[in-house]
């Protein structure tokens, strides 16, 4: 049925591999806006998440009125991502290890909202020793479009058995996209959604949720039967 025994692993960018909260916090702070702490940030959805919670929302909304202000904030966020944002600890080593493995296809499926996100992410990853051109698959998913489509396209492009495919994400929609396409999900609770929300509201099995970047790295390496890389 499948012409090879290759494996595929797809990573989400913001909140899974990239410390997006810190980057967003820096960008908002430079416009005298406050998004609160990570715990509160994880409990917000949609507009409230990016403009601040109930405490910060009225002032942030006032700052956001007008297209010019939004463009300025997005421009600042883009610069923060390109020059200051960080991958979570261990992520660079994990991705480098997977890229070097001869039978593993590595991809990035992202909804990153910065200007020219492909350029933004390439600069960010290059600062961590990773050239995104070495990835086998990379796509920015437009808002309103499901990630499941791109998970399936990646699998089909490389003719990967879904039982040998994996996806790492930090939101319940990442979980749904994975299982919808027959891919094994690795979900993290240190990103945009917290552990309680993921496991209790959306019934994601505890066994699939990593509470820290180190937990995710260890879980991925074990699943792919790869030795833990030495710390750099």
C-alpha atoms as a PDB file:
ATOM      1  CA  UNK A   1       0.000   0.000   0.000  1.00  0.00           C
ATOM      2  CA  UNK A   2       2.786   2.448   0.910  1.00  0.00           C
ATOM      3  CA  UNK A   3       6.029   2.493  -1.118  1.00  0.00           C
ATOM      4  CA  UNK A   4       8.341   3.308   1.807  1.00  0.00           C
ATOM      5  CA  UNK A   5       8.765   2.998   5.556  1.00  0.00           C
ATOM      6  CA  UNK A   6       9.461   6.657   6.159  1.00  0.00           C
ATOM      7  CA  UNK A   7       7.919   8.483   9.081  1.00  0.00           C
ATOM      8  CA  UNK A   8       6.507  12.004   9.214  1.00  0.00           C
ATOM      9  CA  UNK A   9       6.367  14.490  12.064  1.00  0.00           C
ATOM     10  CA  UNK A  10       4.667  17.878  11.784  1.00  0.00           C
ATOM     11  CA  UNK A  11       5.241  20.687  14.274  1.00  0.00           C
ATOM     12  CA  UNK A  12       3.076  23.648  15.130  1.00  0.00           C
ATOM     13  CA  UNK A  13       5.126  26.830  15.555  1.00  0.00           C
ATOM     14  CA  UNK A  14       3.562  29.242  18.038  1.00  0.00           C
ATOM     15  CA  UNK A  15       3.116  27.818  21.513  1.00  0.00           C
ATOM     16  CA  UNK A  16       4.597  24.417  20.667  1.00  0.00           C
ATOM     17  CA  UNK A  17       8.107  25.060  19.359  1.00  0.00           C
ATOM     18  CA  UNK A  18       8.210  28.859  19.797  1.00  0.00           C
ATOM     19  CA  UNK A  19       7.661  30.666  23.102  1.00  0.00           C
ATOM     20  CA  UNK A  20       4.916  32.763  21.519  1.00  0.00           C
ATOM     21  CA  UNK A  21       3.534  34.147  24.782  1.00  0.00           C
ATOM     22  CA  UNK A  22       6.834  35.869  25.621  1.00  0.00           C
ATOM     23  CA  UNK A  23       7.075  37.279  22.096  1.00  0.00           C
ATOM     24  CA  UNK A  24       3.510  38.591  22.138  1.00  0.00           C
ATOM     25  CA  UNK A  25       4.034  40.023  25.621  1.00  0.00           C
ATOM     26  CA  UNK A  26       7.150  41.905  24.456  1.00  0.00           C
ATOM     27  CA  UNK A  27       5.370  43.309  21.419  1.00  0.00           C
ATOM     28  CA  UNK A  28       2.343  44.477  23.404  1.00  0.00           C
ATOM     29  CA  UNK A  29       4.537  45.988  26.121  1.00  0.00           C
ATOM     30  CA  UNK A  30       6.278  48.173  23.556  1.00  0.00           C
ATOM     31  CA  UNK A  31       2.894  49.702  22.818  1.00  0.00           C
ATOM     32  CA  UNK A  32       2.149  50.166  26.530  1.00  0.00           C
ATOM     33  CA  UNK A  33      -0.302  47.272  26.495  1.00  0.00           C
ATOM     34  CA  UNK A  34      -0.564  44.442  29.000  1.00  0.00           C
ATOM     35  CA  UNK A  35      -1.717  40.891  28.238  1.00  0.00           C
ATOM     36  CA  UNK A  36      -1.400  39.595  31.793  1.00  0.00           C
ATOM     37  CA  UNK A  37       0.356  36.396  32.825  1.00  0.00           C
ATOM     38  CA  UNK A  38       0.533  33.057  31.006  1.00  0.00           C
ATOM     39  CA  UNK A  39      -2.105  31.368  33.168  1.00  0.00           C
ATOM     40  CA  UNK A  40      -4.713  33.991  32.335  1.00  0.00           C
ATOM     41  CA  UNK A  41      -3.564  34.192  28.727  1.00  0.00           C
ATOM     42  CA  UNK A  42      -4.207  30.469  28.257  1.00  0.00           C
ATOM     43  CA  UNK A  43      -7.801  30.814  29.437  1.00  0.00           C
ATOM     44  CA  UNK A  44      -8.764  33.424  26.846  1.00  0.00           C
ATOM     45  CA  UNK A  45     -10.042  32.681  23.384  1.00  0.00           C
ATOM     46  CA  UNK A  46      -9.945  34.595  20.138  1.00  0.00           C
ATOM     47  CA  UNK A  47     -10.156  38.390  20.550  1.00  0.00           C
ATOM     48  CA  UNK A  48      -9.660  38.394  24.327  1.00  0.00           C
ATOM     49  CA  UNK A  49      -6.465  36.344  24.051  1.00  0.00           C
ATOM     50  CA  UNK A  50      -4.702  38.836  21.817  1.00  0.00           C
ATOM     51  CA  UNK A  51      -6.131  42.086  23.193  1.00  0.00           C
ATOM     52  CA  UNK A  52      -5.930  41.142  26.859  1.00  0.00           C
ATOM     53  CA  UNK A  53      -8.350  39.757  29.409  1.00  0.00           C
ATOM     54  CA  UNK A  54     -11.218  41.483  31.191  1.00  0.00           C
ATOM     55  CA  UNK A  55      -8.842  43.549  33.320  1.00  0.00           C
ATOM     56  CA  UNK A  56      -6.670  44.758  30.433  1.00  0.00           C
ATOM     57  CA  UNK A  57      -9.253  44.639  27.638  1.00  0.00           C
ATOM     58  CA  UNK A  58     -10.796  48.172  27.759  1.00  0.00           C
ATOM     59  CA  UNK A  59      -7.424  49.962  27.553  1.00  0.00           C
ATOM     60  CA  UNK A  60      -6.060  47.572  24.934  1.00  0.00           C
ATOM     61  CA  UNK A  61      -9.195  47.956  22.814  1.00  0.00           C
ATOM     62  CA  UNK A  62      -8.837  51.723  22.912  1.00  0.00           C
ATOM     63  CA  UNK A  63      -5.219  51.359  21.782  1.00  0.00           C
ATOM     64  CA  UNK A  64      -6.292  49.042  18.947  1.00  0.00           C
ATOM     65  CA  UNK A  65      -8.948  51.334  17.434  1.00  0.00           C
ATOM     66  CA  UNK A  66      -7.890  52.193  13.926  1.00  0.00           C
ATOM     67  CA  UNK A  67      -6.114  50.191  11.260  1.00  0.00           C
ATOM     68  CA  UNK A  68      -2.876  52.150  11.692  1.00  0.00           C
ATOM     69  CA  UNK A  69      -2.476  51.051  15.325  1.00  0.00           C
ATOM     70  CA  UNK A  70      -3.062  47.411  14.424  1.00  0.00           C
ATOM     71  CA  UNK A  71      -0.465  47.611  11.678  1.00  0.00           C
ATOM     72  CA  UNK A  72       2.053  49.130  14.085  1.00  0.00           C
ATOM     73  CA  UNK A  73       1.484  46.348  16.605  1.00  0.00           C
ATOM     74  CA  UNK A  74       1.793  43.664  13.929  1.00  0.00           C
ATOM     75  CA  UNK A  75       4.981  45.285  12.657  1.00  0.00           C
ATOM     76  CA  UNK A  76       6.424  45.258  16.185  1.00  0.00           C
ATOM     77  CA  UNK A  77       5.399  41.629  16.670  1.00  0.00           C
ATOM     78  CA  UNK A  78       7.120  40.726  13.407  1.00  0.00           C
ATOM     79  CA  UNK A  79      10.356  42.396  14.500  1.00  0.00           C
ATOM     80  CA  UNK A  80      10.228  40.692  17.908  1.00  0.00           C
ATOM     81  CA  UNK A  81       9.771  37.297  16.271  1.00  0.00           C
ATOM     82  CA  UNK A  82      12.582  37.853  13.796  1.00  0.00           C
ATOM     83  CA  UNK A  83      15.170  39.187  16.227  1.00  0.00           C
ATOM     84  CA  UNK A  84      14.229  38.229  19.803  1.00  0.00           C
ATOM     85  CA  UNK A  85      11.691  35.402  20.042  1.00  0.00           C
ATOM     86  CA  UNK A  86      13.017  32.076  21.293  1.00  0.00           C
ATOM     87  CA  UNK A  87      12.339  28.410  20.714  1.00  0.00           C
ATOM     88  CA  UNK A  88      11.430  26.538  23.866  1.00  0.00           C
ATOM     89  CA  UNK A  89      14.384  24.801  25.563  1.00  0.00           C
ATOM     90  CA  UNK A  90      15.390  21.607  23.762  1.00  0.00           C
ATOM     91  CA  UNK A  91      13.356  22.307  20.625  1.00  0.00           C
ATOM     92  CA  UNK A  92      16.301  23.285  18.455  1.00  0.00           C
ATOM     93  CA  UNK A  93      18.183  20.109  19.366  1.00  0.00           C
ATOM     94  CA  UNK A  94      15.062  18.002  18.810  1.00  0.00           C
ATOM     95  CA  UNK A  95      14.363  19.409  15.359  1.00  0.00           C
ATOM     96  CA  UNK A  96      18.018  19.204  14.332  1.00  0.00           C
ATOM     97  CA  UNK A  97      18.084  15.564  15.403  1.00  0.00           C
ATOM     98  CA  UNK A  98      14.930  14.753  13.456  1.00  0.00           C
ATOM     99  CA  UNK A  99      16.125  16.538  10.313  1.00  0.00           C
ATOM    100  CA  UNK A 100      19.348  14.524  10.446  1.00  0.00           C
ATOM    101  CA  UNK A 101      17.497  11.197  10.760  1.00  0.00           C
ATOM    102  CA  UNK A 102      17.500   9.492   7.333  1.00  0.00           C
ATOM    103  CA  UNK A 103      13.984   8.055   7.420  1.00  0.00           C
ATOM    104  CA  UNK A 104      12.017  10.917   9.021  1.00  0.00           C
ATOM    105  CA  UNK A 105      10.262  13.701   7.145  1.00  0.00           C
ATOM    106  CA  UNK A 106       9.976  16.878   9.235  1.00  0.00           C
ATOM    107  CA  UNK A 107       7.438  19.626   8.636  1.00  0.00           C
ATOM    108  CA  UNK A 108       6.094  22.868  10.076  1.00  0.00           C
ATOM    109  CA  UNK A 109       2.385  23.701   9.818  1.00  0.00           C
ATOM    110  CA  UNK A 110       1.676  27.132  11.275  1.00  0.00           C
ATOM    111  CA  UNK A 111      -0.880  29.902  11.593  1.00  0.00           C
ATOM    112  CA  UNK A 112       1.783  32.512  12.420  1.00  0.00           C
ATOM    113  CA  UNK A 113       0.282  35.979  11.951  1.00  0.00           C
ATOM    114  CA  UNK A 114       3.402  38.100  11.467  1.00  0.00           C
ATOM    115  CA  UNK A 115       4.173  39.867   8.211  1.00  0.00           C
ATOM    116  CA  UNK A 116       5.686  37.495   5.636  1.00  0.00           C
ATOM    117  CA  UNK A 117       5.625  34.591   8.106  1.00  0.00           C
ATOM    118  CA  UNK A 118       7.895  32.367   6.005  1.00  0.00           C
ATOM    119  CA  UNK A 119      10.649  34.992   6.252  1.00  0.00           C
ATOM    120  CA  UNK A 120       9.881  35.628   9.919  1.00  0.00           C
ATOM    121  CA  UNK A 121      10.124  31.978  10.875  1.00  0.00           C
ATOM    122  CA  UNK A 122      13.222  31.390   8.778  1.00  0.00           C
ATOM    123  CA  UNK A 123      15.035  34.198  10.605  1.00  0.00           C
ATOM    124  CA  UNK A 124      13.857  32.955  13.995  1.00  0.00           C
ATOM    125  CA  UNK A 125      14.898  29.350  13.347  1.00  0.00           C
ATOM    126  CA  UNK A 126      18.227  30.409  11.809  1.00  0.00           C
ATOM    127  CA  UNK A 127      19.105  32.120  15.090  1.00  0.00           C
ATOM    128  CA  UNK A 128      18.737  28.674  16.666  1.00  0.00           C
ATOM    129  CA  UNK A 129      20.874  26.882  14.096  1.00  0.00           C
ATOM    130  CA  UNK A 130      18.032  25.563  11.930  1.00  0.00           C
ATOM    131  CA  UNK A 131      17.516  26.466   8.282  1.00  0.00           C
ATOM    132  CA  UNK A 132      13.831  26.049   7.461  1.00  0.00           C
ATOM    133  CA  UNK A 133      14.906  25.140   3.921  1.00  0.00           C
ATOM    134  CA  UNK A 134      16.085  21.846   5.425  1.00  0.00           C
ATOM    135  CA  UNK A 135      12.522  21.025   6.433  1.00  0.00           C
ATOM    136  CA  UNK A 136      10.666  18.644   4.158  1.00  0.00           C
ATOM    137  CA  UNK A 137       7.380  20.489   4.448  1.00  0.00           C
ATOM    138  CA  UNK A 138       6.409  23.995   5.548  1.00  0.00           C
ATOM    139  CA  UNK A 139       3.114  25.815   5.143  1.00  0.00           C
ATOM    140  CA  UNK A 140       1.352  28.781   6.668  1.00  0.00           C
ATOM    141  CA  UNK A 141      -2.328  27.945   7.134  1.00  0.00           C
ATOM    142  CA  UNK A 142      -4.669  30.892   6.382  1.00  0.00           C
ATOM    143  CA  UNK A 143      -7.096  31.889   9.120  1.00  0.00           C
ATOM    144  CA  UNK A 144     -10.340  30.028   8.655  1.00  0.00           C
ATOM    145  CA  UNK A 145      -8.716  27.056   6.950  1.00  0.00           C
ATOM    146  CA  UNK A 146      -8.302  23.769   8.779  1.00  0.00           C
ATOM    147  CA  UNK A 147      -4.877  22.311   9.529  1.00  0.00           C
ATOM    148  CA  UNK A 148      -6.240  18.847   8.771  1.00  0.00           C
ATOM    149  CA  UNK A 149      -6.095  19.654   5.052  1.00  0.00           C
ATOM    150  CA  UNK A 150      -2.360  20.307   5.246  1.00  0.00           C
ATOM    151  CA  UNK A 151      -1.689  17.319   7.485  1.00  0.00           C
ATOM    152  CA  UNK A 152      -3.305  15.150   4.824  1.00  0.00           C
ATOM    153  CA  UNK A 153      -1.441  16.881   1.984  1.00  0.00           C
ATOM    154  CA  UNK A 154       1.884  16.307   3.749  1.00  0.00           C
ATOM    155  CA  UNK A 155       1.123  12.625   4.262  1.00  0.00           C
ATOM    156  CA  UNK A 156       0.041  12.183   0.670  1.00  0.00           C
ATOM    157  CA  UNK A 157       3.004  14.092  -0.730  1.00  0.00           C
ATOM    158  CA  UNK A 158       5.477  11.710   0.899  1.00  0.00           C
ATOM    159  CA  UNK A 159       3.186   8.654   0.719  1.00  0.00           C
ATOM    160  CA  UNK A 160       3.407   8.104   4.470  1.00  0.00           C
ATOM    161  CA  UNK A 161       1.406   5.456   6.278  1.00  0.00           C
ATOM    162  CA  UNK A 162      -0.782   7.415   8.745  1.00  0.00           C
ATOM    163  CA  UNK A 163       0.266   4.951  11.446  1.00  0.00           C
ATOM    164  CA  UNK A 164       3.817   6.285  10.950  1.00  0.00           C
ATOM    165  CA  UNK A 165       2.853   9.966  11.099  1.00  0.00           C
ATOM    166  CA  UNK A 166       2.784  12.372  14.053  1.00  0.00           C
ATOM    167  CA  UNK A 167       1.744  15.953  14.743  1.00  0.00           C
ATOM    168  CA  UNK A 168       2.729  18.212  17.651  1.00  0.00           C
ATOM    169  CA  UNK A 169       0.453  21.056  18.719  1.00  0.00           C
ATOM    170  CA  UNK A 170      -0.744  23.121  21.656  1.00  0.00           C
ATOM    171  CA  UNK A 171      -4.477  23.534  21.011  1.00  0.00           C
ATOM    172  CA  UNK A 172      -7.460  21.221  20.894  1.00  0.00           C
ATOM    173  CA  UNK A 173      -7.877  21.995  17.189  1.00  0.00           C
ATOM    174  CA  UNK A 174      -4.395  20.561  16.585  1.00  0.00           C
ATOM    175  CA  UNK A 175      -5.553  17.357  18.276  1.00  0.00           C
ATOM    176  CA  UNK A 176      -8.679  17.195  16.140  1.00  0.00           C
ATOM    177  CA  UNK A 177      -6.731  17.865  12.945  1.00  0.00           C
ATOM    178  CA  UNK A 178      -4.380  15.014  13.760  1.00  0.00           C
ATOM    179  CA  UNK A 179      -6.953  12.374  14.620  1.00  0.00           C
ATOM    180  CA  UNK A 180      -9.132  13.446  11.693  1.00  0.00           C
ATOM    181  CA  UNK A 181      -6.306  12.500   9.337  1.00  0.00           C
ATOM    182  CA  UNK A 182      -5.250   9.340  11.188  1.00  0.00           C
ATOM    183  CA  UNK A 183      -2.101  10.914  12.598  1.00  0.00           C
ATOM    184  CA  UNK A 184      -0.880  10.337  16.155  1.00  0.00           C
ATOM    185  CA  UNK A 185      -1.114  13.598  18.158  1.00  0.00           C
ATOM    186  CA  UNK A 186       1.433  14.979  20.624  1.00  0.00           C
ATOM    187  CA  UNK A 187      -0.280  17.800  22.517  1.00  0.00           C
ATOM    188  CA  UNK A 188       1.385  20.263  24.910  1.00  0.00           C
ATOM    189  CA  UNK A 189      -0.162  22.278  27.740  1.00  0.00           C
ATOM    190  CA  UNK A 190       2.513  24.967  28.065  1.00  0.00           C
ATOM    191  CA  UNK A 191       1.317  26.889  24.986  1.00  0.00           C
ATOM    192  CA  UNK A 192      -1.979  28.573  24.135  1.00  0.00           C
ATOM    193  CA  UNK A 193      -4.227  26.172  26.057  1.00  0.00           C
ATOM    194  CA  UNK A 194      -3.661  24.864  29.562  1.00  0.00           C
ATOM    195  CA  UNK A 195      -3.779  21.287  30.813  1.00  0.00           C
ATOM    196  CA  UNK A 196      -7.198  21.564  32.435  1.00  0.00           C
ATOM    197  CA  UNK A 197      -8.826  22.985  29.305  1.00  0.00           C
ATOM    198  CA  UNK A 198      -7.266  20.370  27.042  1.00  0.00           C
ATOM    199  CA  UNK A 199      -8.066  17.350  29.176  1.00  0.00           C
ATOM    200  CA  UNK A 200     -11.322  18.308  30.875  1.00  0.00           C
ATOM    201  CA  UNK A 201     -13.141  20.492  28.383  1.00  0.00           C
ATOM    202  CA  UNK A 202     -11.994  18.692  25.239  1.00  0.00           C
ATOM    203  CA  UNK A 203     -11.388  15.228  26.718  1.00  0.00           C
ATOM    204  CA  UNK A 204      -7.898  14.854  25.281  1.00  0.00           C
ATOM    205  CA  UNK A 205      -6.319  11.829  27.018  1.00  0.00           C
ATOM    206  CA  UNK A 206      -3.841  12.771  29.733  1.00  0.00           C
ATOM    207  CA  UNK A 207      -1.339  10.350  28.191  1.00  0.00           C
ATOM    208  CA  UNK A 208      -1.116  12.492  25.048  1.00  0.00           C
ATOM    209  CA  UNK A 209      -0.452  15.798  26.823  1.00  0.00           C
ATOM    210  CA  UNK A 210       3.074  16.992  27.662  1.00  0.00           C
ATOM    211  CA  UNK A 211       3.298  19.580  30.425  1.00  0.00           C
ATOM    212  CA  UNK A 212       6.756  20.891  29.468  1.00  0.00           C
ATOM    213  CA  UNK A 213       9.026  21.177  26.410  1.00  0.00           C
ATOM    214  CA  UNK A 214      11.366  18.581  27.900  1.00  0.00           C
ATOM    215  CA  UNK A 215       8.459  16.160  28.286  1.00  0.00           C
ATOM    216  CA  UNK A 216       7.505  16.636  24.641  1.00  0.00           C
ATOM    217  CA  UNK A 217      11.072  16.152  23.437  1.00  0.00           C
ATOM    218  CA  UNK A 218      11.472  12.962  25.433  1.00  0.00           C
ATOM    219  CA  UNK A 219       8.114  11.623  24.251  1.00  0.00           C
ATOM    220  CA  UNK A 220       8.833  12.311  20.572  1.00  0.00           C
ATOM    221  CA  UNK A 221      12.312  10.795  20.697  1.00  0.00           C
ATOM    222  CA  UNK A 222      11.033   7.693  22.466  1.00  0.00           C
ATOM    223  CA  UNK A 223       8.179   7.237  19.992  1.00  0.00           C
ATOM    224  CA  UNK A 224      10.573   7.538  17.064  1.00  0.00           C
ATOM    225  CA  UNK A 225      13.158   5.288  18.730  1.00  0.00           C
ATOM    226  CA  UNK A 226      15.874   7.955  18.678  1.00  0.00           C
ATOM    227  CA  UNK A 227      18.484   8.439  21.380  1.00  0.00           C
ATOM    228  CA  UNK A 228      18.281  11.658  23.383  1.00  0.00           C
ATOM    229  CA  UNK A 229      20.724  14.169  21.836  1.00  0.00           C
ATOM    230  CA  UNK A 230      23.554  15.415  24.016  1.00  0.00           C
ATOM    231  CA  UNK A 231      23.029  18.884  25.463  1.00  0.00           C
ATOM    232  CA  UNK A 232      24.889  21.583  23.530  1.00  0.00           C
END
